[in-house]
C-alpha cells in the first residue's frame, strides 16, 4: 500500500526511498492521480497516456481502462511480441465497454 496521501510531496519519486511506511517507499505510481485527471479533463488537444502499466506492475485490463476513463485518447504501451494480440483484444474490449469517461475524444 502506498504511503498516506497527506505525506506525499511533489517529485519525491526521484528522491530517497524510506523503510517508514509513512514516507515514500517506491510503491506509488502516481502521487496525485486526481490532479493528473483534472489537468487532462481541461485539455482541448489529444492526450496520450504514457506508461499506463507501470512497467508491468499494473494489469492491461486495469491500466487501459483507467487511462481511457480518465481522458487519454491514445495509450503508449511497451510489450513483447507475444503480448500484442492479447493487448489489442483487451484494448478493443475496454473501448467497447468503457463507461464513465467525462472528457470528449480528441484525435
Foldseek 3Di string as FASTA:
>chain_A
DAADLVADDPPCLVDDADPDRNHHHPDDDDSCVVVVLVVLQPDPAAAEAECLCVVVVRDLLVSLLVCVQSHHQHYDDDDDPVCVVVSVVSNVVSVVPHPNRDHDHHD
